């Protein structure tokens, strides 16, 4: 009896995503507590897991060879920023610089295949930057106005590069664009809560959108779904024989022309 053997090579993307989700939920759950020991563990651990996801993703065949290294380097800088911003003596400017470098690396990754300017993308993001700065700057200390302004502009530039990549139909563009937009949402909520108007549930909003953004940027390394098909192996018994279907050196057999007898 003919048999077919199918071999599917399975990657571990779903497992990485499940680990990231679990760690991120624990980070969110412990963010508002007085004893933040668990938060100090799970916040950087979540970013470290996203870095692991980025490093183990099966890259798409059309992806630029420098794309993964740039994204991974951006995640390393993000991890440094996470640690700096959660220290007991918070290093806000140092953390801001770490994330600023991360955004520069992401911009470098998203524009590896060329720089495009689509005004229908640029103008809404520029308008959003103006509105955000008008809300924030009156509440920001004088010595922090320049760093906050530079960071906000670079954040929106990263989102612009990500959305342009998606609009051009480049590999990983959809995940990059979603990640870039969520990063803007996360940092906007963080800045408004810190400088302008604190609001309830800020930690959950900031962290949930942040980890979703970083995960999507890591997933932009791949082009296919969570499971990549491997080699489809058909056993010799199931393979059609040359006598049955023909071969390059033999003509394809034709069905005999049977005449109906009267």
C-alpha atoms as a PDB file:
ATOM      1  CA  UNK A   1       0.000   0.000   0.000  1.00  0.00           C
ATOM      2  CA  UNK A   2       1.316   3.407  -0.946  1.00  0.00           C
ATOM      3  CA  UNK A   3       2.265   5.651   1.963  1.00  0.00           C
ATOM      4  CA  UNK A   4       3.172   9.319   2.197  1.00  0.00           C
ATOM      5  CA  UNK A   5       5.636  10.595   4.799  1.00  0.00           C
ATOM      6  CA  UNK A   6       5.455  14.306   5.528  1.00  0.00           C
ATOM      7  CA  UNK A   7       8.310  15.902   7.459  1.00  0.00           C
ATOM      8  CA  UNK A   8       7.670  19.413   8.797  1.00  0.00           C
ATOM      9  CA  UNK A   9      10.533  21.358  10.356  1.00  0.00           C
ATOM     10  CA  UNK A  10       9.015  23.361  13.162  1.00  0.00           C
ATOM     11  CA  UNK A  11      10.545  26.473  14.618  1.00  0.00           C
ATOM     12  CA  UNK A  12       9.992  27.687  18.151  1.00  0.00           C
ATOM     13  CA  UNK A  13       8.458  31.088  17.544  1.00  0.00           C
ATOM     14  CA  UNK A  14       5.250  30.305  19.407  1.00  0.00           C
ATOM     15  CA  UNK A  15       7.220  29.087  22.402  1.00  0.00           C
ATOM     16  CA  UNK A  16       9.280  32.259  22.462  1.00  0.00           C
ATOM     17  CA  UNK A  17       6.107  34.353  22.177  1.00  0.00           C
ATOM     18  CA  UNK A  18       4.446  32.413  25.001  1.00  0.00           C
ATOM     19  CA  UNK A  19       7.487  32.939  27.239  1.00  0.00           C
ATOM     20  CA  UNK A  20       7.555  36.660  26.370  1.00  0.00           C
ATOM     21  CA  UNK A  21       3.840  37.014  27.123  1.00  0.00           C
ATOM     22  CA  UNK A  22       4.179  35.240  30.469  1.00  0.00           C
ATOM     23  CA  UNK A  23       7.173  37.300  31.547  1.00  0.00           C
ATOM     24  CA  UNK A  24       5.556  40.546  30.359  1.00  0.00           C
ATOM     25  CA  UNK A  25       2.354  39.793  32.289  1.00  0.00           C
ATOM     26  CA  UNK A  26       4.391  39.179  35.437  1.00  0.00           C
ATOM     27  CA  UNK A  27       6.280  42.436  34.871  1.00  0.00           C
ATOM     28  CA  UNK A  28       2.987  44.313  34.498  1.00  0.00           C
ATOM     29  CA  UNK A  29       1.471  42.611  37.564  1.00  0.00           C
ATOM     30  CA  UNK A  30       4.434  43.529  39.776  1.00  0.00           C
ATOM     31  CA  UNK A  31       5.092  47.038  38.416  1.00  0.00           C
ATOM     32  CA  UNK A  32       2.930  48.915  40.908  1.00  0.00           C
ATOM     33  CA  UNK A  33       3.949  47.091  44.068  1.00  0.00           C
ATOM     34  CA  UNK A  34       6.083  48.605  46.798  1.00  0.00           C
ATOM     35  CA  UNK A  35       8.456  45.652  46.780  1.00  0.00           C
ATOM     36  CA  UNK A  36       9.547  45.584  43.188  1.00  0.00           C
ATOM     37  CA  UNK A  37      12.073  42.750  43.325  1.00  0.00           C
ATOM     38  CA  UNK A  38      10.017  40.611  40.955  1.00  0.00           C
ATOM     39  CA  UNK A  39       9.573  43.596  38.637  1.00  0.00           C
ATOM     40  CA  UNK A  40      13.337  44.089  38.504  1.00  0.00           C
ATOM     41  CA  UNK A  41      13.599  40.489  37.318  1.00  0.00           C
ATOM     42  CA  UNK A  42      10.739  40.236  34.832  1.00  0.00           C
ATOM     43  CA  UNK A  43      11.073  43.622  33.130  1.00  0.00           C
ATOM     44  CA  UNK A  44      14.577  43.021  31.698  1.00  0.00           C
ATOM     45  CA  UNK A  45      13.852  39.303  31.311  1.00  0.00           C
ATOM     46  CA  UNK A  46      10.997  40.084  28.914  1.00  0.00           C
ATOM     47  CA  UNK A  47      13.256  42.188  26.699  1.00  0.00           C
ATOM     48  CA  UNK A  48      15.957  39.512  26.905  1.00  0.00           C
ATOM     49  CA  UNK A  49      13.448  36.923  25.680  1.00  0.00           C
ATOM     50  CA  UNK A  50      12.502  39.193  22.772  1.00  0.00           C
ATOM     51  CA  UNK A  51      16.204  39.393  21.919  1.00  0.00           C
ATOM     52  CA  UNK A  52      16.303  35.597  21.924  1.00  0.00           C
ATOM     53  CA  UNK A  53      13.303  35.574  19.587  1.00  0.00           C
ATOM     54  CA  UNK A  54      15.081  37.946  17.197  1.00  0.00           C
ATOM     55  CA  UNK A  55      18.269  35.891  17.181  1.00  0.00           C
ATOM     56  CA  UNK A  56      16.527  32.580  16.507  1.00  0.00           C
ATOM     57  CA  UNK A  57      14.006  33.680  13.898  1.00  0.00           C
ATOM     58  CA  UNK A  58      14.270  31.980  10.498  1.00  0.00           C
ATOM     59  CA  UNK A  59      15.016  34.989   8.333  1.00  0.00           C
ATOM     60  CA  UNK A  60      13.201  35.464   5.039  1.00  0.00           C
ATOM     61  CA  UNK A  61      15.188  34.744   1.888  1.00  0.00           C
ATOM     62  CA  UNK A  62      14.682  38.295   0.615  1.00  0.00           C
ATOM     63  CA  UNK A  63      15.712  39.968   3.874  1.00  0.00           C
ATOM     64  CA  UNK A  64      18.842  42.117   3.876  1.00  0.00           C
ATOM     65  CA  UNK A  65      21.706  40.332   5.703  1.00  0.00           C
ATOM     66  CA  UNK A  66      22.260  43.315   8.019  1.00  0.00           C
ATOM     67  CA  UNK A  67      18.605  43.512   9.083  1.00  0.00           C
ATOM     68  CA  UNK A  68      18.799  40.968  11.915  1.00  0.00           C
ATOM     69  CA  UNK A  69      22.057  42.355  13.419  1.00  0.00           C
ATOM     70  CA  UNK A  70      20.640  45.885  13.480  1.00  0.00           C
ATOM     71  CA  UNK A  71      17.379  44.779  15.113  1.00  0.00           C
ATOM     72  CA  UNK A  72      19.276  42.666  17.643  1.00  0.00           C
ATOM     73  CA  UNK A  73      21.580  45.589  18.469  1.00  0.00           C
ATOM     74  CA  UNK A  74      18.520  47.785  18.941  1.00  0.00           C
ATOM     75  CA  UNK A  75      17.093  45.270  21.394  1.00  0.00           C
ATOM     76  CA  UNK A  76      20.381  45.202  23.323  1.00  0.00           C
ATOM     77  CA  UNK A  77      20.227  49.002  23.646  1.00  0.00           C
ATOM     78  CA  UNK A  78      16.588  48.727  24.698  1.00  0.00           C
ATOM     79  CA  UNK A  79      17.582  46.227  27.382  1.00  0.00           C
ATOM     80  CA  UNK A  80      20.194  48.690  28.662  1.00  0.00           C
ATOM     81  CA  UNK A  81      17.537  51.421  28.685  1.00  0.00           C
ATOM     82  CA  UNK A  82      15.155  49.192  30.641  1.00  0.00           C
ATOM     83  CA  UNK A  83      17.778  48.599  33.316  1.00  0.00           C
ATOM     84  CA  UNK A  84      18.803  52.257  33.533  1.00  0.00           C
ATOM     85  CA  UNK A  85      15.210  53.451  33.915  1.00  0.00           C
ATOM     86  CA  UNK A  86      14.352  51.047  36.730  1.00  0.00           C
ATOM     87  CA  UNK A  87      17.383  51.608  38.966  1.00  0.00           C
ATOM     88  CA  UNK A  88      16.743  52.998  42.431  1.00  0.00           C
ATOM     89  CA  UNK A  89      18.639  56.148  41.451  1.00  0.00           C
ATOM     90  CA  UNK A  90      17.036  56.430  38.037  1.00  0.00           C
ATOM     91  CA  UNK A  91      19.298  57.390  35.164  1.00  0.00           C
ATOM     92  CA  UNK A  92      16.640  59.052  33.020  1.00  0.00           C
ATOM     93  CA  UNK A  93      18.925  60.796  30.530  1.00  0.00           C
ATOM     94  CA  UNK A  94      21.173  57.729  30.207  1.00  0.00           C
ATOM     95  CA  UNK A  95      18.112  55.554  29.608  1.00  0.00           C
ATOM     96  CA  UNK A  96      16.834  58.064  27.071  1.00  0.00           C
ATOM     97  CA  UNK A  97      20.160  57.921  25.217  1.00  0.00           C
ATOM     98  CA  UNK A  98      20.079  54.103  25.196  1.00  0.00           C
ATOM     99  CA  UNK A  99      16.621  54.088  23.613  1.00  0.00           C
ATOM    100  CA  UNK A 100      17.640  56.874  21.243  1.00  0.00           C
ATOM    101  CA  UNK A 101      20.454  54.668  19.936  1.00  0.00           C
ATOM    102  CA  UNK A 102      17.989  51.774  19.686  1.00  0.00           C
ATOM    103  CA  UNK A 103      15.733  53.885  17.467  1.00  0.00           C
ATOM    104  CA  UNK A 104      18.685  54.855  15.270  1.00  0.00           C
ATOM    105  CA  UNK A 105      19.493  51.168  14.822  1.00  0.00           C
ATOM    106  CA  UNK A 106      15.860  50.377  13.989  1.00  0.00           C
ATOM    107  CA  UNK A 107      15.794  53.196  11.452  1.00  0.00           C
ATOM    108  CA  UNK A 108      18.953  51.751   9.918  1.00  0.00           C
ATOM    109  CA  UNK A 109      17.302  48.332   9.662  1.00  0.00           C
ATOM    110  CA  UNK A 110      14.034  49.620   8.206  1.00  0.00           C
ATOM    111  CA  UNK A 111      15.802  51.703   5.542  1.00  0.00           C
ATOM    112  CA  UNK A 112      18.357  49.128   4.382  1.00  0.00           C
ATOM    113  CA  UNK A 113      16.429  48.714   1.126  1.00  0.00           C
ATOM    114  CA  UNK A 114      16.239  52.439   0.460  1.00  0.00           C
ATOM    115  CA  UNK A 115      14.747  55.618   1.897  1.00  0.00           C
ATOM    116  CA  UNK A 116      11.284  56.590   0.727  1.00  0.00           C
ATOM    117  CA  UNK A 117       9.202  59.670   1.516  1.00  0.00           C
ATOM    118  CA  UNK A 118       5.437  59.314   1.297  1.00  0.00           C
ATOM    119  CA  UNK A 119       3.771  62.523   2.377  1.00  0.00           C
ATOM    120  CA  UNK A 120       0.572  60.778   3.393  1.00  0.00           C
ATOM    121  CA  UNK A 121       2.710  58.981   5.990  1.00  0.00           C
ATOM    122  CA  UNK A 122       5.076  61.812   6.943  1.00  0.00           C
ATOM    123  CA  UNK A 123       2.504  64.563   7.532  1.00  0.00           C
ATOM    124  CA  UNK A 124       0.274  62.728  10.081  1.00  0.00           C
ATOM    125  CA  UNK A 125       3.333  61.629  12.050  1.00  0.00           C
ATOM    126  CA  UNK A 126       4.775  65.142  11.980  1.00  0.00           C
ATOM    127  CA  UNK A 127       1.458  66.565  13.178  1.00  0.00           C
ATOM    128  CA  UNK A 128       1.374  64.004  15.978  1.00  0.00           C
ATOM    129  CA  UNK A 129       4.927  64.992  17.027  1.00  0.00           C
ATOM    130  CA  UNK A 130       3.926  68.653  17.220  1.00  0.00           C
ATOM    131  CA  UNK A 131       0.829  67.913  19.319  1.00  0.00           C
ATOM    132  CA  UNK A 132       2.747  65.590  21.643  1.00  0.00           C
ATOM    133  CA  UNK A 133       5.504  68.137  22.248  1.00  0.00           C
ATOM    134  CA  UNK A 134       2.947  70.904  22.858  1.00  0.00           C
ATOM    135  CA  UNK A 135       1.421  68.717  25.565  1.00  0.00           C
ATOM    136  CA  UNK A 136       4.706  67.654  27.156  1.00  0.00           C
ATOM    137  CA  UNK A 137       7.148  70.551  26.998  1.00  0.00           C
ATOM    138  CA  UNK A 138       5.302  72.970  29.338  1.00  0.00           C
ATOM    139  CA  UNK A 139       5.665  70.328  32.063  1.00  0.00           C
ATOM    140  CA  UNK A 140       9.251  69.271  31.351  1.00  0.00           C
ATOM    141  CA  UNK A 141      12.184  70.723  33.308  1.00  0.00           C
ATOM    142  CA  UNK A 142      14.337  73.169  31.350  1.00  0.00           C
ATOM    143  CA  UNK A 143      17.389  70.887  31.295  1.00  0.00           C
ATOM    144  CA  UNK A 144      15.301  68.025  29.863  1.00  0.00           C
ATOM    145  CA  UNK A 145      13.440  69.918  27.137  1.00  0.00           C
ATOM    146  CA  UNK A 146      16.127  69.383  24.488  1.00  0.00           C
ATOM    147  CA  UNK A 147      16.651  65.628  25.170  1.00  0.00           C
ATOM    148  CA  UNK A 148      12.898  64.996  25.247  1.00  0.00           C
ATOM    149  CA  UNK A 149      12.387  66.908  21.986  1.00  0.00           C
ATOM    150  CA  UNK A 150      15.186  65.063  20.197  1.00  0.00           C
ATOM    151  CA  UNK A 151      13.912  61.724  21.454  1.00  0.00           C
ATOM    152  CA  UNK A 152      10.320  62.428  20.387  1.00  0.00           C
ATOM    153  CA  UNK A 153      11.415  63.402  16.877  1.00  0.00           C
ATOM    154  CA  UNK A 154      13.604  60.324  16.554  1.00  0.00           C
ATOM    155  CA  UNK A 155      10.812  58.095  17.859  1.00  0.00           C
ATOM    156  CA  UNK A 156       8.457  59.402  15.169  1.00  0.00           C
ATOM    157  CA  UNK A 157      11.216  59.037  12.558  1.00  0.00           C
ATOM    158  CA  UNK A 158      11.530  55.357  13.519  1.00  0.00           C
ATOM    159  CA  UNK A 159       7.779  54.889  13.141  1.00  0.00           C
ATOM    160  CA  UNK A 160       7.907  56.671   9.765  1.00  0.00           C
ATOM    161  CA  UNK A 161      10.678  54.359   8.502  1.00  0.00           C
ATOM    162  CA  UNK A 162       8.726  51.307   9.676  1.00  0.00           C
ATOM    163  CA  UNK A 163       5.474  52.376   8.017  1.00  0.00           C
ATOM    164  CA  UNK A 164       7.320  53.295   4.802  1.00  0.00           C
ATOM    165  CA  UNK A 165       8.784  49.791   4.760  1.00  0.00           C
ATOM    166  CA  UNK A 166       5.306  48.336   5.004  1.00  0.00           C
ATOM    167  CA  UNK A 167       3.914  50.649   2.317  1.00  0.00           C
ATOM    168  CA  UNK A 168       6.711  49.574  -0.044  1.00  0.00           C
ATOM    169  CA  UNK A 169       5.802  45.914   0.457  1.00  0.00           C
ATOM    170  CA  UNK A 170       9.249  45.022   1.763  1.00  0.00           C
ATOM    171  CA  UNK A 171       9.929  41.870   3.819  1.00  0.00           C
ATOM    172  CA  UNK A 172       8.701  42.135   7.397  1.00  0.00           C
ATOM    173  CA  UNK A 173       7.112  45.514   6.694  1.00  0.00           C
ATOM    174  CA  UNK A 174       3.742  44.782   8.301  1.00  0.00           C
ATOM    175  CA  UNK A 175       5.255  43.665  11.619  1.00  0.00           C
ATOM    176  CA  UNK A 176       7.752  46.536  11.565  1.00  0.00           C
ATOM    177  CA  UNK A 177       5.000  49.101  10.980  1.00  0.00           C
ATOM    178  CA  UNK A 178       2.777  47.704  13.734  1.00  0.00           C
ATOM    179  CA  UNK A 179       5.757  47.610  16.086  1.00  0.00           C
ATOM    180  CA  UNK A 180       6.757  51.171  15.262  1.00  0.00           C
ATOM    181  CA  UNK A 181       3.263  52.543  15.843  1.00  0.00           C
ATOM    182  CA  UNK A 182       2.912  50.649  19.137  1.00  0.00           C
ATOM    183  CA  UNK A 183       6.297  51.987  20.246  1.00  0.00           C
ATOM    184  CA  UNK A 184       5.003  55.510  19.682  1.00  0.00           C
ATOM    185  CA  UNK A 185       1.885  54.698  21.715  1.00  0.00           C
ATOM    186  CA  UNK A 186       3.964  53.243  24.548  1.00  0.00           C
ATOM    187  CA  UNK A 187       6.432  56.123  24.823  1.00  0.00           C
ATOM    188  CA  UNK A 188       3.643  58.700  24.458  1.00  0.00           C
ATOM    189  CA  UNK A 189       1.768  57.143  27.379  1.00  0.00           C
ATOM    190  CA  UNK A 190       4.995  56.978  29.395  1.00  0.00           C
ATOM    191  CA  UNK A 191       5.832  60.642  28.741  1.00  0.00           C
ATOM    192  CA  UNK A 192       2.297  61.901  29.453  1.00  0.00           C
ATOM    193  CA  UNK A 193       2.137  59.919  32.688  1.00  0.00           C
ATOM    194  CA  UNK A 194       5.586  61.117  33.772  1.00  0.00           C
ATOM    195  CA  UNK A 195       5.480  64.777  32.781  1.00  0.00           C
ATOM    196  CA  UNK A 196       1.972  65.976  31.972  1.00  0.00           C
ATOM    197  CA  UNK A 197      -0.797  64.080  33.721  1.00  0.00           C
ATOM    198  CA  UNK A 198      -0.431  60.801  35.630  1.00  0.00           C
ATOM    199  CA  UNK A 199      -3.277  58.386  34.947  1.00  0.00           C
ATOM    200  CA  UNK A 200      -4.461  55.139  36.431  1.00  0.00           C
ATOM    201  CA  UNK A 201      -3.224  51.994  34.749  1.00  0.00           C
ATOM    202  CA  UNK A 202      -0.269  53.764  33.145  1.00  0.00           C
ATOM    203  CA  UNK A 203       2.163  50.941  33.936  1.00  0.00           C
ATOM    204  CA  UNK A 204      -0.064  48.372  32.239  1.00  0.00           C
ATOM    205  CA  UNK A 205      -0.593  50.527  29.138  1.00  0.00           C
ATOM    206  CA  UNK A 206       3.087  51.462  28.790  1.00  0.00           C
ATOM    207  CA  UNK A 207       4.492  47.978  29.333  1.00  0.00           C
ATOM    208  CA  UNK A 208       1.879  46.096  27.297  1.00  0.00           C
ATOM    209  CA  UNK A 209       2.360  48.295  24.232  1.00  0.00           C
ATOM    210  CA  UNK A 210       6.136  48.349  24.720  1.00  0.00           C
ATOM    211  CA  UNK A 211       6.550  44.576  24.786  1.00  0.00           C
ATOM    212  CA  UNK A 212       4.104  44.150  21.913  1.00  0.00           C
ATOM    213  CA  UNK A 213       6.084  46.699  19.881  1.00  0.00           C
ATOM    214  CA  UNK A 214       9.437  45.055  20.523  1.00  0.00           C
ATOM    215  CA  UNK A 215       8.034  41.589  19.810  1.00  0.00           C
ATOM    216  CA  UNK A 216       6.595  42.714  16.482  1.00  0.00           C
ATOM    217  CA  UNK A 217       9.876  44.344  15.496  1.00  0.00           C
ATOM    218  CA  UNK A 218      11.647  41.063  16.310  1.00  0.00           C
ATOM    219  CA  UNK A 219       9.059  39.154  14.261  1.00  0.00           C
ATOM    220  CA  UNK A 220       9.685  41.441  11.283  1.00  0.00           C
ATOM    221  CA  UNK A 221      12.839  39.400  10.679  1.00  0.00           C
ATOM    222  CA  UNK A 222      10.722  36.619   9.229  1.00  0.00           C
ATOM    223  CA  UNK A 223       8.336  36.709   6.272  1.00  0.00           C
ATOM    224  CA  UNK A 224       6.195  33.624   6.824  1.00  0.00           C
ATOM    225  CA  UNK A 225       3.930  32.395   9.605  1.00  0.00           C
ATOM    226  CA  UNK A 226       4.873  30.902  12.951  1.00  0.00           C
ATOM    227  CA  UNK A 227       5.528  27.496  11.451  1.00  0.00           C
ATOM    228  CA  UNK A 228       7.790  27.104   8.440  1.00  0.00           C
ATOM    229  CA  UNK A 229       7.236  24.196   6.187  1.00  0.00           C
ATOM    230  CA  UNK A 230      10.241  21.995   5.739  1.00  0.00           C
ATOM    231  CA  UNK A 231      10.851  19.295   3.173  1.00  0.00           C
ATOM    232  CA  UNK A 232       7.906  17.286   1.938  1.00  0.00           C
ATOM    233  CA  UNK A 233       9.255  13.752   1.591  1.00  0.00           C
ATOM    234  CA  UNK A 234       7.353  11.242  -0.442  1.00  0.00           C
ATOM    235  CA  UNK A 235       8.323   7.624  -0.102  1.00  0.00           C
ATOM    236  CA  UNK A 236       9.434   5.655  -3.105  1.00  0.00           C
ATOM    237  CA  UNK A 237       6.343   3.519  -2.855  1.00  0.00           C
ATOM    238  CA  UNK A 238       4.120   6.574  -3.203  1.00  0.00           C
ATOM    239  CA  UNK A 239       6.117   8.177  -5.985  1.00  0.00           C
ATOM    240  CA  UNK A 240       4.677   7.611  -9.424  1.00  0.00           C
ATOM    241  CA  UNK A 241       6.742   5.366 -11.629  1.00  0.00           C
ATOM    242  CA  UNK A 242       8.074   6.436 -15.054  1.00  0.00           C
ATOM    243  CA  UNK A 243       6.042   3.741 -16.749  1.00  0.00           C
ATOM    244  CA  UNK A 244       2.923   5.222 -15.262  1.00  0.00           C
ATOM    245  CA  UNK A 245       3.458   8.935 -15.777  1.00  0.00           C
ATOM    246  CA  UNK A 246       6.313   9.098 -18.241  1.00  0.00           C
ATOM    247  CA  UNK A 247       9.825  10.454 -17.813  1.00  0.00           C
ATOM    248  CA  UNK A 248      12.022  13.025 -19.573  1.00  0.00           C
ATOM    249  CA  UNK A 249      13.356  10.253 -21.807  1.00  0.00           C
ATOM    250  CA  UNK A 250      10.128   8.433 -22.517  1.00  0.00           C
ATOM    251  CA  UNK A 251       6.838   9.596 -23.979  1.00  0.00           C
ATOM    252  CA  UNK A 252       3.853  10.017 -21.712  1.00  0.00           C
ATOM    253  CA  UNK A 253       1.621   7.000 -22.115  1.00  0.00           C
ATOM    254  CA  UNK A 254      -1.761   7.651 -23.566  1.00  0.00           C
ATOM    255  CA  UNK A 255      -5.030   6.122 -22.551  1.00  0.00           C
ATOM    256  CA  UNK A 256      -5.933   3.374 -25.007  1.00  0.00           C
ATOM    257  CA  UNK A 257      -8.728   4.265 -27.374  1.00  0.00           C
ATOM    258  CA  UNK A 258     -11.363   1.649 -26.768  1.00  0.00           C
ATOM    259  CA  UNK A 259     -14.212   1.477 -29.194  1.00  0.00           C
ATOM    260  CA  UNK A 260     -17.613   0.478 -28.025  1.00  0.00           C
ATOM    261  CA  UNK A 261     -18.635  -2.831 -29.555  1.00  0.00           C
ATOM    262  CA  UNK A 262     -22.066  -3.021 -31.060  1.00  0.00           C
END
